[in-house]
Amino acid sequence: MSEPFRYRLRVRYSECDAQHVVFNARYGDYVDLAMTEFMRALGRDYGALLARGLDNQVVKLTLEWKASARFDDVLEIQVRPLSLGNTSFSLEFLILNAESQQLLCRAESVYVMMTTEPFEKTRVPDDLRAALQEGAVGKVCDQSG
């Protein structure tokens, strides 16, 4: 299996809950951040999509927690394309502790391509389809400081 795109970030204090672990809803934020950087690594950032009158919309997000992340941990989120349909695509996210490589959470997100005006479902453009099929193999975005 080829090396996935990797996004790194550091857990901030405000992302933790009363049990001193990352609050469950923050994992959705982490997935969204990783997807944004994955798309940028593909050369298909949101600004470029919006300029073409396109956007994508999350229609399903599944999270499976395995262990807890804590304040100041560096997380590594690995992103891989899972499937590509006519108007949708899905990505897998593995959220790991960057130091130990312990799996903390597995996420899967399904996105539907939309036009911005009118806001309607549309086909995944051929250039984006090709980029998603290729993936951002081996690329790293490190925002962990």
C-alpha atoms as a PDB file:
ATOM      1  CA  MET A   1       0.000   0.000   0.000  1.00  0.00           C
ATOM      2  CA  SER A   2       1.330   3.443  -0.900  1.00  0.00           C
ATOM      3  CA  GLU A   3       2.121   6.013   1.751  1.00  0.00           C
ATOM      4  CA  PRO A   4      -0.951   8.196   2.480  1.00  0.00           C
ATOM      5  CA  PHE A   5      -1.218  11.965   2.716  1.00  0.00           C
ATOM      6  CA  ARG A   6      -0.405  12.986   6.296  1.00  0.00           C
ATOM      7  CA  TYR A   7      -1.634  16.054   8.192  1.00  0.00           C
ATOM      8  CA  ARG A   8      -0.153  16.889  11.610  1.00  0.00           C
ATOM      9  CA  LEU A   9      -1.551  19.179  14.275  1.00  0.00           C
ATOM     10  CA  ARG A  10      -1.084  19.762  17.996  1.00  0.00           C
ATOM     11  CA  VAL A  11      -4.024  19.383  20.385  1.00  0.00           C
ATOM     12  CA  ARG A  12      -4.876  22.720  21.979  1.00  0.00           C
ATOM     13  CA  TYR A  13      -6.120  23.088  25.553  1.00  0.00           C
ATOM     14  CA  SER A  14      -9.483  24.481  24.400  1.00  0.00           C
ATOM     15  CA  GLU A  15     -10.168  21.254  22.463  1.00  0.00           C
ATOM     16  CA  CYS A  16     -10.236  19.158  25.662  1.00  0.00           C
ATOM     17  CA  ASP A  17     -13.205  18.378  27.879  1.00  0.00           C
ATOM     18  CA  ALA A  18     -13.782  17.905  31.617  1.00  0.00           C
ATOM     19  CA  GLN A  19     -12.134  14.459  31.460  1.00  0.00           C
ATOM     20  CA  HIS A  20      -8.949  16.136  30.126  1.00  0.00           C
ATOM     21  CA  VAL A  21      -9.161  14.388  26.745  1.00  0.00           C
ATOM     22  CA  VAL A  22     -10.087  15.749  23.322  1.00  0.00           C
ATOM     23  CA  PHE A  23     -13.846  16.403  23.233  1.00  0.00           C
ATOM     24  CA  ASN A  24     -15.575  14.000  20.835  1.00  0.00           C
ATOM     25  CA  ALA A  25     -16.954  16.715  18.525  1.00  0.00           C
ATOM     26  CA  ARG A  26     -13.432  18.002  17.848  1.00  0.00           C
ATOM     27  CA  TYR A  27     -12.649  14.876  15.840  1.00  0.00           C
ATOM     28  CA  GLY A  28     -15.089  16.107  13.179  1.00  0.00           C
ATOM     29  CA  ASP A  29     -13.116  19.356  13.119  1.00  0.00           C
ATOM     30  CA  TYR A  30      -9.864  17.413  12.716  1.00  0.00           C
ATOM     31  CA  VAL A  31     -11.329  15.434   9.804  1.00  0.00           C
ATOM     32  CA  ASP A  32     -12.450  18.666   8.125  1.00  0.00           C
ATOM     33  CA  LEU A  33      -9.015  20.256   8.564  1.00  0.00           C
ATOM     34  CA  ALA A  34      -7.295  17.158   7.159  1.00  0.00           C
ATOM     35  CA  MET A  35      -9.680  17.043   4.192  1.00  0.00           C
ATOM     36  CA  THR A  36      -9.016  20.717   3.438  1.00  0.00           C
ATOM     37  CA  GLU A  37      -5.249  20.153   3.449  1.00  0.00           C
ATOM     38  CA  PHE A  38      -5.616  16.926   1.442  1.00  0.00           C
ATOM     39  CA  MET A  39      -7.523  18.813  -1.254  1.00  0.00           C
ATOM     40  CA  ARG A  40      -4.871  21.558  -1.215  1.00  0.00           C
ATOM     41  CA  ALA A  41      -2.169  18.879  -1.649  1.00  0.00           C
ATOM     42  CA  LEU A  42      -4.109  17.616  -4.673  1.00  0.00           C
ATOM     43  CA  GLY A  43      -4.014  21.145  -6.131  1.00  0.00           C
ATOM     44  CA  ARG A  44      -7.800  21.415  -5.702  1.00  0.00           C
ATOM     45  CA  ASP A  45      -8.176  23.774  -2.727  1.00  0.00           C
ATOM     46  CA  TYR A  46     -11.549  25.285  -1.857  1.00  0.00           C
ATOM     47  CA  GLY A  47     -10.767  28.645  -3.433  1.00  0.00           C
ATOM     48  CA  ALA A  48     -10.041  26.964  -6.764  1.00  0.00           C
ATOM     49  CA  LEU A  49     -13.212  24.851  -6.544  1.00  0.00           C
ATOM     50  CA  LEU A  50     -15.387  27.822  -5.629  1.00  0.00           C
ATOM     51  CA  ALA A  51     -13.918  29.850  -8.513  1.00  0.00           C
ATOM     52  CA  ARG A  52     -15.216  27.096 -10.816  1.00  0.00           C
ATOM     53  CA  GLY A  53     -18.685  27.255  -9.269  1.00  0.00           C
ATOM     54  CA  LEU A  54     -18.151  23.967  -7.407  1.00  0.00           C
ATOM     55  CA  ASP A  55     -18.171  22.840  -3.804  1.00  0.00           C
ATOM     56  CA  ASN A  56     -18.509  19.586  -1.920  1.00  0.00           C
ATOM     57  CA  GLN A  57     -20.869  18.765   0.893  1.00  0.00           C
ATOM     58  CA  VAL A  58     -20.445  16.205   3.666  1.00  0.00           C
ATOM     59  CA  VAL A  59     -23.363  13.772   3.567  1.00  0.00           C
ATOM     60  CA  LYS A  60     -21.997  11.161   5.967  1.00  0.00           C
ATOM     61  CA  LEU A  61     -19.320  11.162   8.645  1.00  0.00           C
ATOM     62  CA  THR A  62     -18.555   8.052  10.681  1.00  0.00           C
ATOM     63  CA  LEU A  63     -16.134   8.081  13.615  1.00  0.00           C
ATOM     64  CA  GLU A  64     -14.812   5.030  15.479  1.00  0.00           C
ATOM     65  CA  TRP A  65     -12.840   5.921  18.606  1.00  0.00           C
ATOM     66  CA  LYS A  66     -10.084   3.579  19.782  1.00  0.00           C
ATOM     67  CA  ALA A  67      -8.187   5.677  22.356  1.00  0.00           C
ATOM     68  CA  SER A  68      -8.024   9.235  23.681  1.00  0.00           C
ATOM     69  CA  ALA A  69      -5.951  12.192  22.562  1.00  0.00           C
ATOM     70  CA  ARG A  70      -4.860  14.703  25.197  1.00  0.00           C
ATOM     71  CA  PHE A  71      -3.711  18.301  25.432  1.00  0.00           C
ATOM     72  CA  ASP A  72      -0.402  18.951  23.646  1.00  0.00           C
ATOM     73  CA  ASP A  73      -0.356  15.593  21.822  1.00  0.00           C
ATOM     74  CA  VAL A  74       0.719  15.829  18.194  1.00  0.00           C
ATOM     75  CA  LEU A  75      -1.788  14.037  16.008  1.00  0.00           C
ATOM     76  CA  GLU A  76      -1.095  12.600  12.590  1.00  0.00           C
ATOM     77  CA  ILE A  77      -4.105  12.214  10.336  1.00  0.00           C
ATOM     78  CA  GLN A  78      -3.583   9.927   7.383  1.00  0.00           C
ATOM     79  CA  VAL A  79      -5.961  10.487   4.466  1.00  0.00           C
ATOM     80  CA  ARG A  80      -6.709   8.001   1.700  1.00  0.00           C
ATOM     81  CA  PRO A  81      -9.376   7.966  -1.017  1.00  0.00           C
ATOM     82  CA  LEU A  82     -11.788   5.046  -0.484  1.00  0.00           C
ATOM     83  CA  SER A  83     -14.275   5.262  -3.328  1.00  0.00           C
ATOM     84  CA  LEU A  84     -15.248   7.490  -6.210  1.00  0.00           C
ATOM     85  CA  GLY A  85     -18.739   7.614  -7.667  1.00  0.00           C
ATOM     86  CA  ASN A  86     -20.337   9.765 -10.345  1.00  0.00           C
ATOM     87  CA  THR A  87     -21.296  12.623  -7.995  1.00  0.00           C
ATOM     88  CA  SER A  88     -19.630  11.582  -4.741  1.00  0.00           C
ATOM     89  CA  PHE A  89     -16.385  10.396  -3.220  1.00  0.00           C
ATOM     90  CA  SER A  90     -15.358   9.028   0.157  1.00  0.00           C
ATOM     91  CA  LEU A  91     -12.169   9.393   2.156  1.00  0.00           C
ATOM     92  CA  GLU A  92     -10.710   7.427   5.059  1.00  0.00           C
ATOM     93  CA  PHE A  93      -8.988   9.215   7.931  1.00  0.00           C
ATOM     94  CA  LEU A  94      -6.766   7.456  10.454  1.00  0.00           C
ATOM     95  CA  ILE A  95      -6.073   9.711  13.447  1.00  0.00           C
ATOM     96  CA  LEU A  96      -2.919   8.586  15.226  1.00  0.00           C
ATOM     97  CA  ASN A  97      -0.753   9.779  18.054  1.00  0.00           C
ATOM     98  CA  ALA A  98       2.214  10.977  15.968  1.00  0.00           C
ATOM     99  CA  GLU A  99       4.821   9.883  18.515  1.00  0.00           C
ATOM    100  CA  SER A 100       3.559   6.382  19.335  1.00  0.00           C
ATOM    101  CA  GLN A 101       1.601   5.789  16.093  1.00  0.00           C
ATOM    102  CA  GLN A 102      -1.268   4.462  18.247  1.00  0.00           C
ATOM    103  CA  LEU A 103      -4.573   4.567  16.364  1.00  0.00           C
ATOM    104  CA  LEU A 104      -6.931   6.924  18.200  1.00  0.00           C
ATOM    105  CA  CYS A 105      -9.813   7.166  15.753  1.00  0.00           C
ATOM    106  CA  ARG A 106     -10.832   5.943  12.310  1.00  0.00           C
ATOM    107  CA  ALA A 107     -13.176   8.152  10.306  1.00  0.00           C
ATOM    108  CA  GLU A 108     -14.883   7.820   6.968  1.00  0.00           C
ATOM    109  CA  SER A 109     -16.489  10.759   5.240  1.00  0.00           C
ATOM    110  CA  VAL A 110     -18.676  10.828   2.123  1.00  0.00           C
ATOM    111  CA  TYR A 111     -18.798  14.025   0.051  1.00  0.00           C
ATOM    112  CA  VAL A 112     -21.182  15.016  -2.747  1.00  0.00           C
ATOM    113  CA  MET A 113     -20.103  17.454  -5.472  1.00  0.00           C
ATOM    114  CA  MET A 114     -22.354  20.474  -5.715  1.00  0.00           C
ATOM    115  CA  THR A 115     -22.664  23.493  -7.961  1.00  0.00           C
ATOM    116  CA  THR A 116     -22.672  26.783  -6.068  1.00  0.00           C
ATOM    117  CA  GLU A 117     -25.385  28.437  -8.159  1.00  0.00           C
ATOM    118  CA  PRO A 118     -27.851  26.832  -8.194  1.00  0.00           C
ATOM    119  CA  PHE A 119     -26.919  24.613  -5.254  1.00  0.00           C
ATOM    120  CA  GLU A 120     -27.368  21.224  -6.951  1.00  0.00           C
ATOM    121  CA  LYS A 121     -25.631  17.882  -7.103  1.00  0.00           C
ATOM    122  CA  THR A 122     -23.236  17.528 -10.057  1.00  0.00           C
ATOM    123  CA  ARG A 123     -20.670  15.108 -11.451  1.00  0.00           C
ATOM    124  CA  VAL A 124     -17.169  15.016 -10.010  1.00  0.00           C
ATOM    125  CA  PRO A 125     -15.117  16.856 -12.674  1.00  0.00           C
ATOM    126  CA  ASP A 126     -12.639  14.712 -14.609  1.00  0.00           C
ATOM    127  CA  ASP A 127      -9.564  16.577 -13.304  1.00  0.00           C
ATOM    128  CA  LEU A 128     -10.691  16.200  -9.680  1.00  0.00           C
ATOM    129  CA  ARG A 129     -11.582  12.553 -10.328  1.00  0.00           C
ATOM    130  CA  ALA A 130      -8.048  11.929 -11.647  1.00  0.00           C
ATOM    131  CA  ALA A 131      -6.473  13.764  -8.691  1.00  0.00           C
ATOM    132  CA  LEU A 132      -8.553  11.775  -6.190  1.00  0.00           C
ATOM    133  CA  GLN A 133      -7.638   8.500  -7.894  1.00  0.00           C
ATOM    134  CA  GLU A 134      -3.962   9.403  -7.686  1.00  0.00           C
ATOM    135  CA  GLY A 135      -4.186  10.734  -4.112  1.00  0.00           C
ATOM    136  CA  ALA A 136      -1.571  12.923  -2.461  1.00  0.00           C
ATOM    137  CA  VAL A 137       0.814  10.023  -1.923  1.00  0.00           C
ATOM    138  CA  GLY A 138       3.589  10.759   0.561  1.00  0.00           C
ATOM    139  CA  LYS A 139       2.750  14.458   0.960  1.00  0.00           C
ATOM    140  CA  VAL A 140       2.816  15.918   4.472  1.00  0.00           C
ATOM    141  CA  CYS A 141       1.266  19.093   5.897  1.00  0.00           C
ATOM    142  CA  ASP A 142       2.679  19.750   9.365  1.00  0.00           C
ATOM    143  CA  GLN A 143       0.937  22.419  11.450  1.00  0.00           C
ATOM    144  CA  SER A 144       2.023  20.972  14.804  1.00  0.00           C
ATOM    145  CA  GLY A 145       4.645  23.627  15.419  1.00  0.00           C
END
